[in-house]
Amino acid sequence: MPRATSRSAATALLLHGEERFLVDEMARATLDAWRQELVSDFGLETLDGAGLAPARLQDAVLQAPFLDPYRVVFVRMLPGNRAEGLVAAVAEIPPTTRLLVTVAGRISSANKLAKAITAAGGKVEEMQHLNRRSLSEWAAKRAVEKHGLTPAVAAQVVRVSPPDLSIVDSELTKLAAYKASGAKLTPDAIAELLAGGREDEIFRLTDNLLPRPTAQALEIARNLTRSGLQPTSVAYRMARHIALVLEVQARQERGESLQQVQDDMSEHRFVIHKAFDAAQSANPDRLERALKQIRDYEWEVKSGQVDAELGLDVLLTRL
């Protein structure tokens, strides 16, 4: 990380790329490192990238520190198509300011903001999309270094999970927690624990869930339960999808575009896209009613009133 050695060398970092998980993670690590020397709450200023005016950013960058040795300015998820509009705001970055900018998506090396950061003595890093091989290598390294697992476990996770770093890391975290509990992490235990990671089948189920469940939705749900996924877990994933569609629908009503919704929400962009399409034709009252029906089903199963698998079939016919 470049550090200010003169007035022409800025401590600035711009992160962008298709792998948002890596962008977010490096941003957190950078902020954690920079905050270590701060002594007050005034030392860190976070600005949302959406709608950020150049004058607002320039004021934050040029402001002198109050009690701290330097100020940290964090621009969070700047829309890629608005990046060049902020060039004038970073024309001068004083040695007492450390600037971190994350961009929603990828920008080219010819982007004027990227060039301005580099010209100021800062650094620009792109988090490139990981193909299957590089994803496997990343997962193996993360399993060993962060979670105390083996590369073989990581390989098993990658085989059954979609190529999404957040999902892969979530599965590794789950396996590490299981191991930390003192239980033995056998191949059978791993297979059972990863049953909930069958995202492709979950996507197929949710694709056939709205506006009303199709016959294929019932078949997919049955296949999921027969392969080891608990019926209540299937219902939970259905509820998560319906709740997501409701949230996306509310954003649509406020006039937000697909890209705005994808940039602001933490779920995978593909999942948001699916929910965005579903929200355009979904009835909000029916969605609310469906969530209540799923809640009632889970309570009936837990209280022993209905069989979990039969109850799931009935639930799907009622939604």
Protein backbone atom coordinates (compact mmCIF):
# COMPACT_ATOMS: atom_id res chain seq x y z
CA MET A 1 0.00 0.00 0.00
CA PRO A 2 1.61 3.30 -1.05
CA ARG A 3 2.14 5.70 1.85
CA ALA A 4 2.52 9.44 1.59
CA THR A 5 6.19 10.39 1.42
CA SER A 6 5.69 13.83 -0.16
CA ARG A 7 2.85 16.11 -1.18
CA SER A 8 2.84 14.48 -4.64
CA ALA A 9 2.44 10.95 -3.30
CA ALA A 10 -1.03 10.11 -2.02
CA THR A 11 -2.24 7.23 0.11
CA ALA A 12 -5.18 6.25 -2.08
CA LEU A 13 -6.66 2.98 -3.25
CA LEU A 14 -9.35 2.33 -5.85
CA LEU A 15 -10.89 -1.16 -5.94
CA HIS A 16 -13.09 -2.41 -8.77
CA GLY A 17 -13.91 -5.58 -10.66
CA GLU A 18 -16.44 -8.31 -11.24
CA GLU A 19 -15.74 -10.16 -7.98
CA ARG A 20 -17.55 -7.91 -5.51
CA PHE A 21 -16.84 -10.32 -2.65
CA LEU A 22 -13.11 -9.69 -3.09
CA VAL A 23 -13.62 -5.94 -3.49
CA ASP A 24 -15.60 -5.79 -0.24
CA GLU A 25 -13.12 -7.98 1.59
CA MET A 26 -10.07 -5.96 0.57
CA ALA A 27 -11.92 -2.76 1.44
CA ARG A 28 -12.65 -4.08 4.95
CA ALA A 29 -9.02 -5.15 5.44
CA THR A 30 -7.74 -1.78 4.24
CA LEU A 31 -10.08 0.16 6.52
CA ASP A 32 -9.16 -2.03 9.48
CA ALA A 33 -5.48 -1.30 8.90
CA TRP A 34 -5.98 2.43 8.42
CA ARG A 35 -8.24 2.77 11.48
CA GLN A 36 -5.60 1.39 13.85
CA GLU A 37 -3.95 4.79 14.28
CA LEU A 38 -7.18 6.80 14.52
CA VAL A 39 -8.04 8.10 17.97
CA SER A 40 -11.49 9.60 17.39
CA ASP A 41 -14.74 9.00 15.54
CA PHE A 42 -13.99 12.03 13.37
CA GLY A 43 -11.13 10.28 11.60
CA LEU A 44 -13.27 8.13 9.28
CA GLU A 45 -15.83 9.53 6.87
CA THR A 46 -17.91 7.14 4.75
CA LEU A 47 -19.65 8.43 1.63
CA ASP A 48 -22.16 6.44 -0.42
CA GLY A 49 -21.07 6.37 -4.04
CA ALA A 50 -24.60 6.60 -5.45
CA GLY A 51 -25.43 10.26 -5.95
CA LEU A 52 -22.09 11.50 -4.60
CA ALA A 53 -21.35 15.02 -5.88
CA PRO A 54 -17.77 15.98 -6.82
CA ALA A 55 -17.84 19.00 -4.48
CA ARG A 56 -18.88 16.81 -1.55
CA LEU A 57 -16.01 14.38 -2.14
CA GLN A 58 -13.52 17.20 -2.64
CA ASP A 59 -14.52 18.79 0.67
CA ALA A 60 -14.02 15.45 2.44
CA VAL A 61 -10.63 14.84 0.81
CA LEU A 62 -9.25 18.33 1.51
CA GLN A 63 -10.54 18.58 5.09
CA ALA A 64 -7.74 18.59 7.66
CA PRO A 65 -7.74 16.05 10.50
CA PHE A 66 -9.00 17.23 13.88
CA LEU A 67 -7.66 14.93 16.59
CA ASP A 68 -6.25 12.16 14.40
CA PRO A 69 -2.89 11.93 12.61
CA TYR A 70 -4.79 11.64 9.30
CA ARG A 71 -8.31 11.35 7.91
CA VAL A 72 -9.75 8.28 6.18
CA VAL A 73 -12.30 8.93 3.43
CA PHE A 74 -14.18 5.88 2.18
CA VAL A 75 -16.32 6.11 -0.97
CA ARG A 76 -18.52 3.02 -0.94
CA MET A 77 -19.74 1.38 -4.16
CA LEU A 78 -19.43 4.19 -6.65
CA PRO A 79 -21.44 3.38 -9.82
CA GLY A 80 -18.98 2.65 -12.60
CA ASN A 81 -20.71 4.98 -15.06
CA ARG A 82 -20.28 7.91 -12.62
CA ALA A 83 -16.63 7.36 -11.78
CA GLU A 84 -15.16 9.82 -14.27
CA GLY A 85 -17.40 12.58 -12.94
CA LEU A 86 -15.36 12.65 -9.71
CA VAL A 87 -11.95 13.24 -11.29
CA ALA A 88 -11.77 16.90 -10.23
CA ALA A 89 -12.44 15.91 -6.61
CA VAL A 90 -9.21 13.88 -6.39
CA ALA A 91 -6.96 16.26 -8.29
CA GLU A 92 -5.31 17.06 -4.95
CA ILE A 93 -5.07 14.49 -2.14
CA PRO A 94 -3.16 15.90 0.84
CA PRO A 95 -0.75 13.67 2.79
CA THR A 96 -3.13 13.86 5.76
CA THR A 97 -5.92 12.07 3.83
CA ARG A 98 -6.15 8.40 3.02
CA LEU A 99 -8.71 7.76 0.31
CA LEU A 100 -10.42 4.43 -0.42
CA VAL A 101 -12.86 4.11 -3.33
CA THR A 102 -14.79 0.96 -4.22
CA VAL A 103 -16.55 0.80 -7.57
CA ALA A 104 -19.63 -1.26 -8.35
CA GLY A 105 -18.37 -3.34 -11.27
CA ARG A 106 -15.36 -3.05 -13.52
CA ILE A 107 -13.86 0.08 -15.05
CA SER A 108 -11.25 0.19 -17.79
CA SER A 109 -7.62 1.13 -17.33
CA ALA A 110 -8.36 4.22 -19.43
CA ASN A 111 -10.95 5.45 -16.93
CA LYS A 112 -10.12 9.03 -15.94
CA LEU A 113 -10.69 8.43 -12.22
CA ALA A 114 -8.35 5.43 -12.24
CA LYS A 115 -5.73 7.51 -14.04
CA ALA A 116 -6.15 10.34 -11.55
CA ILE A 117 -5.67 8.03 -8.57
CA THR A 118 -2.53 6.57 -10.16
CA ALA A 119 -1.19 9.99 -11.10
CA ALA A 120 -1.61 11.12 -7.49
CA GLY A 121 0.61 8.24 -6.36
CA GLY A 122 -2.23 5.94 -5.35
CA LYS A 123 -3.05 2.43 -6.48
CA VAL A 124 -5.79 0.84 -8.59
CA GLU A 125 -6.62 -2.83 -8.18
CA GLU A 126 -9.05 -4.94 -10.19
CA MET A 127 -10.70 -8.03 -8.68
CA GLN A 128 -11.02 -10.16 -11.77
CA HIS A 129 -13.68 -12.84 -12.19
CA LEU A 130 -12.40 -16.23 -11.06
CA ASN A 131 -12.82 -19.08 -13.51
CA ARG A 132 -13.36 -22.62 -12.28
CA ARG A 133 -9.66 -23.37 -11.84
CA SER A 134 -8.80 -20.09 -10.10
CA LEU A 135 -11.93 -20.45 -7.95
CA SER A 136 -10.73 -23.90 -6.84
CA GLU A 137 -7.31 -22.50 -5.99
CA TRP A 138 -8.86 -19.59 -4.08
CA ALA A 139 -11.16 -21.92 -2.15
CA ALA A 140 -8.29 -24.27 -1.25
CA LYS A 141 -6.14 -21.42 0.04
CA ARG A 142 -9.02 -19.90 2.00
CA ALA A 143 -9.99 -23.25 3.50
CA VAL A 144 -6.47 -23.78 4.83
CA GLU A 145 -5.51 -20.25 5.88
CA LYS A 146 -8.81 -18.91 7.25
CA HIS A 147 -10.92 -21.91 8.21
CA GLY A 148 -8.38 -24.58 9.19
CA LEU A 149 -9.78 -27.05 6.65
CA THR A 150 -8.06 -29.14 3.98
CA PRO A 151 -7.86 -28.53 0.22
CA ALA A 152 -9.88 -31.74 -0.26
CA VAL A 153 -12.76 -30.25 1.73
CA ALA A 154 -12.56 -27.08 -0.36
CA ALA A 155 -12.70 -29.13 -3.55
CA GLN A 156 -15.85 -30.86 -2.34
CA VAL A 157 -17.46 -27.51 -1.57
CA VAL A 158 -16.59 -26.11 -5.00
CA ARG A 159 -18.05 -29.20 -6.72
CA VAL A 160 -21.52 -28.76 -5.18
CA SER A 161 -21.74 -24.96 -4.94
CA PRO A 162 -22.42 -22.33 -7.61
CA PRO A 163 -19.36 -20.28 -8.68
CA ASP A 164 -20.09 -17.53 -6.17
CA LEU A 165 -17.33 -16.65 -3.69
CA SER A 166 -19.76 -15.58 -0.98
CA ILE A 167 -21.58 -18.92 -1.12
CA VAL A 168 -18.34 -20.93 -1.20
CA ASP A 169 -16.99 -19.00 1.78
CA SER A 170 -20.30 -19.42 3.62
CA GLU A 171 -20.13 -23.19 3.14
CA LEU A 172 -16.51 -23.30 4.33
CA THR A 173 -17.49 -21.26 7.40
CA LYS A 174 -20.28 -23.72 8.14
CA LEU A 175 -17.96 -26.72 7.89
CA ALA A 176 -15.33 -25.01 10.07
CA ALA A 177 -17.96 -24.30 12.74
CA TYR A 178 -19.06 -27.94 12.65
CA LYS A 179 -15.44 -29.07 13.08
CA ALA A 180 -14.87 -26.56 15.90
CA SER A 181 -17.83 -28.04 17.78
CA GLY A 182 -15.80 -31.23 18.21
CA ALA A 183 -17.70 -33.30 15.67
CA LYS A 184 -15.79 -35.37 13.16
CA LEU A 185 -15.82 -33.95 9.65
CA THR A 186 -16.29 -37.19 7.68
CA PRO A 187 -17.11 -37.28 3.95
CA ASP A 188 -20.70 -38.29 4.81
CA ALA A 189 -21.04 -35.43 7.30
CA ILE A 190 -19.69 -32.98 4.74
CA ALA A 191 -22.14 -34.23 2.10
CA GLU A 192 -25.02 -33.81 4.53
CA LEU A 193 -23.92 -30.35 5.64
CA LEU A 194 -23.54 -29.21 2.05
CA ALA A 195 -27.01 -30.41 1.11
CA GLY A 196 -28.27 -26.88 1.69
CA GLY A 197 -25.83 -25.60 -0.87
CA ARG A 198 -27.66 -27.07 -3.86
CA GLU A 199 -28.15 -23.61 -5.29
CA ASP A 200 -28.86 -24.71 -8.85
CA GLU A 201 -31.89 -26.70 -7.72
CA ILE A 202 -32.95 -23.91 -5.38
CA PHE A 203 -32.79 -21.48 -8.30
CA ARG A 204 -34.94 -23.83 -10.38
CA LEU A 205 -37.43 -24.07 -7.54
CA THR A 206 -37.70 -20.30 -7.07
CA ASP A 207 -37.96 -19.81 -10.84
CA ASN A 208 -41.10 -21.94 -10.74
CA LEU A 209 -42.49 -20.46 -7.53
CA LEU A 210 -44.03 -17.18 -8.71
CA PRO A 211 -46.61 -15.93 -9.47
CA ARG A 212 -47.94 -19.38 -8.44
CA PRO A 213 -46.00 -22.65 -7.94
CA THR A 214 -45.96 -24.86 -11.03
CA ALA A 215 -46.06 -28.64 -11.14
CA GLN A 216 -42.30 -28.54 -11.72
CA ALA A 217 -41.85 -26.63 -8.44
CA LEU A 218 -43.48 -29.52 -6.58
CA GLU A 219 -41.24 -32.05 -8.35
CA ILE A 220 -38.07 -30.05 -7.61
CA ALA A 221 -39.02 -29.67 -3.93
CA ARG A 222 -39.57 -33.42 -3.64
CA ASN A 223 -36.19 -34.14 -5.26
CA LEU A 224 -34.48 -31.79 -2.83
CA THR A 225 -35.99 -33.53 0.20
CA ARG A 226 -35.21 -36.98 -1.18
CA SER A 227 -31.56 -35.96 -1.66
CA GLY A 228 -31.22 -35.07 2.01
CA LEU A 229 -32.38 -31.47 2.37
CA GLN A 230 -34.88 -31.01 5.20
CA PRO A 231 -38.40 -29.98 4.05
CA THR A 232 -38.35 -27.06 6.47
CA SER A 233 -35.05 -25.92 4.91
CA VAL A 234 -36.71 -25.96 1.49
CA ALA A 235 -39.55 -23.88 2.93
CA TYR A 236 -37.03 -21.48 4.46
CA ARG A 237 -35.34 -20.93 1.10
CA MET A 238 -38.73 -20.32 -0.49
CA ALA A 239 -39.51 -17.74 2.19
CA ARG A 240 -36.15 -16.02 1.63
CA HIS A 241 -36.87 -15.75 -2.08
CA ILE A 242 -40.37 -14.37 -1.55
CA ALA A 243 -39.08 -11.85 0.99
CA LEU A 244 -36.37 -10.81 -1.48
CA VAL A 245 -38.97 -10.30 -4.24
CA LEU A 246 -41.00 -8.12 -1.86
CA GLU A 247 -37.98 -5.97 -1.05
CA VAL A 248 -37.02 -5.63 -4.72
CA GLN A 249 -40.63 -4.75 -5.57
CA ALA A 250 -40.57 -1.93 -3.00
CA ARG A 251 -37.40 -0.59 -4.62
CA GLN A 252 -39.02 -0.78 -8.06
CA GLU A 253 -41.92 1.31 -6.77
CA ARG A 254 -39.38 3.94 -5.66
CA GLY A 255 -38.12 4.07 -9.25
CA GLU A 256 -34.84 2.22 -8.77
CA SER A 257 -33.33 0.50 -11.81
CA LEU A 258 -32.05 -3.08 -11.91
CA GLN A 259 -28.44 -1.89 -11.67
CA GLN A 260 -29.22 0.32 -8.68
CA VAL A 261 -30.88 -2.57 -6.87
CA GLN A 262 -27.99 -4.92 -7.70
CA ASP A 263 -25.41 -2.38 -6.49
CA ASP A 264 -27.20 -1.70 -3.19
CA MET A 265 -28.08 -5.24 -2.13
CA SER A 266 -25.65 -7.90 -0.94
CA GLU A 267 -27.21 -10.90 -2.72
CA HIS A 268 -25.63 -12.22 -5.93
CA ARG A 269 -26.44 -10.09 -8.98
CA PHE A 270 -27.96 -13.09 -10.78
CA VAL A 271 -30.32 -13.71 -7.85
CA ILE A 272 -31.31 -10.03 -7.77
CA HIS A 273 -31.98 -10.13 -11.52
CA LYS A 274 -34.32 -13.10 -11.08
CA ALA A 275 -36.13 -11.39 -8.21
CA PHE A 276 -36.40 -8.16 -10.21
CA ASP A 277 -38.13 -9.97 -13.07
CA ALA A 278 -40.46 -11.83 -10.70
CA ALA A 279 -41.37 -8.65 -8.82
CA GLN A 280 -42.72 -6.98 -11.94
CA SER A 281 -45.69 -9.36 -12.15
CA ALA A 282 -46.06 -10.47 -8.51
CA ASN A 283 -49.00 -9.46 -6.34
CA PRO A 284 -47.68 -7.98 -3.06
CA ASP A 285 -50.70 -9.16 -1.06
CA ARG A 286 -50.20 -12.71 -2.32
CA LEU A 287 -46.50 -12.55 -1.44
CA GLU A 288 -47.31 -11.44 2.12
CA ARG A 289 -49.88 -14.21 2.42
CA ALA A 290 -47.35 -16.77 1.16
CA LEU A 291 -44.86 -15.75 3.86
CA LYS A 292 -47.52 -16.23 6.53
CA GLN A 293 -48.43 -19.66 5.11
CA ILE A 294 -44.78 -20.75 5.21
CA ARG A 295 -44.51 -19.50 8.79
CA ASP A 296 -47.62 -21.49 9.74
CA TYR A 297 -46.25 -24.60 8.02
CA GLU A 298 -42.99 -24.42 9.97
CA TRP A 299 -44.87 -24.03 13.25
CA GLU A 300 -47.13 -27.01 12.44
CA VAL A 301 -44.12 -29.19 11.63
CA LYS A 302 -42.24 -28.18 14.78
CA SER A 303 -45.32 -28.75 16.94
CA GLY A 304 -45.85 -32.22 15.41
CA GLN A 305 -49.19 -31.41 13.81
CA VAL A 306 -48.17 -32.31 10.24
CA ASP A 307 -45.60 -34.49 8.50
CA ALA A 308 -42.83 -32.31 7.11
CA GLU A 309 -42.73 -33.78 3.58
CA LEU A 310 -46.49 -34.10 3.14
CA GLY A 311 -46.96 -30.67 4.64
CA LEU A 312 -44.50 -29.19 2.11
CA ASP A 313 -46.54 -30.69 -0.74
CA VAL A 314 -49.72 -29.17 0.68
CA LEU A 315 -47.97 -25.82 1.21
CA LEU A 316 -46.93 -25.63 -2.43
CA THR A 317 -50.49 -26.28 -3.61
CA ARG A 318 -51.76 -23.45 -1.40
CA LEU A 319 -49.25 -20.75 -2.28
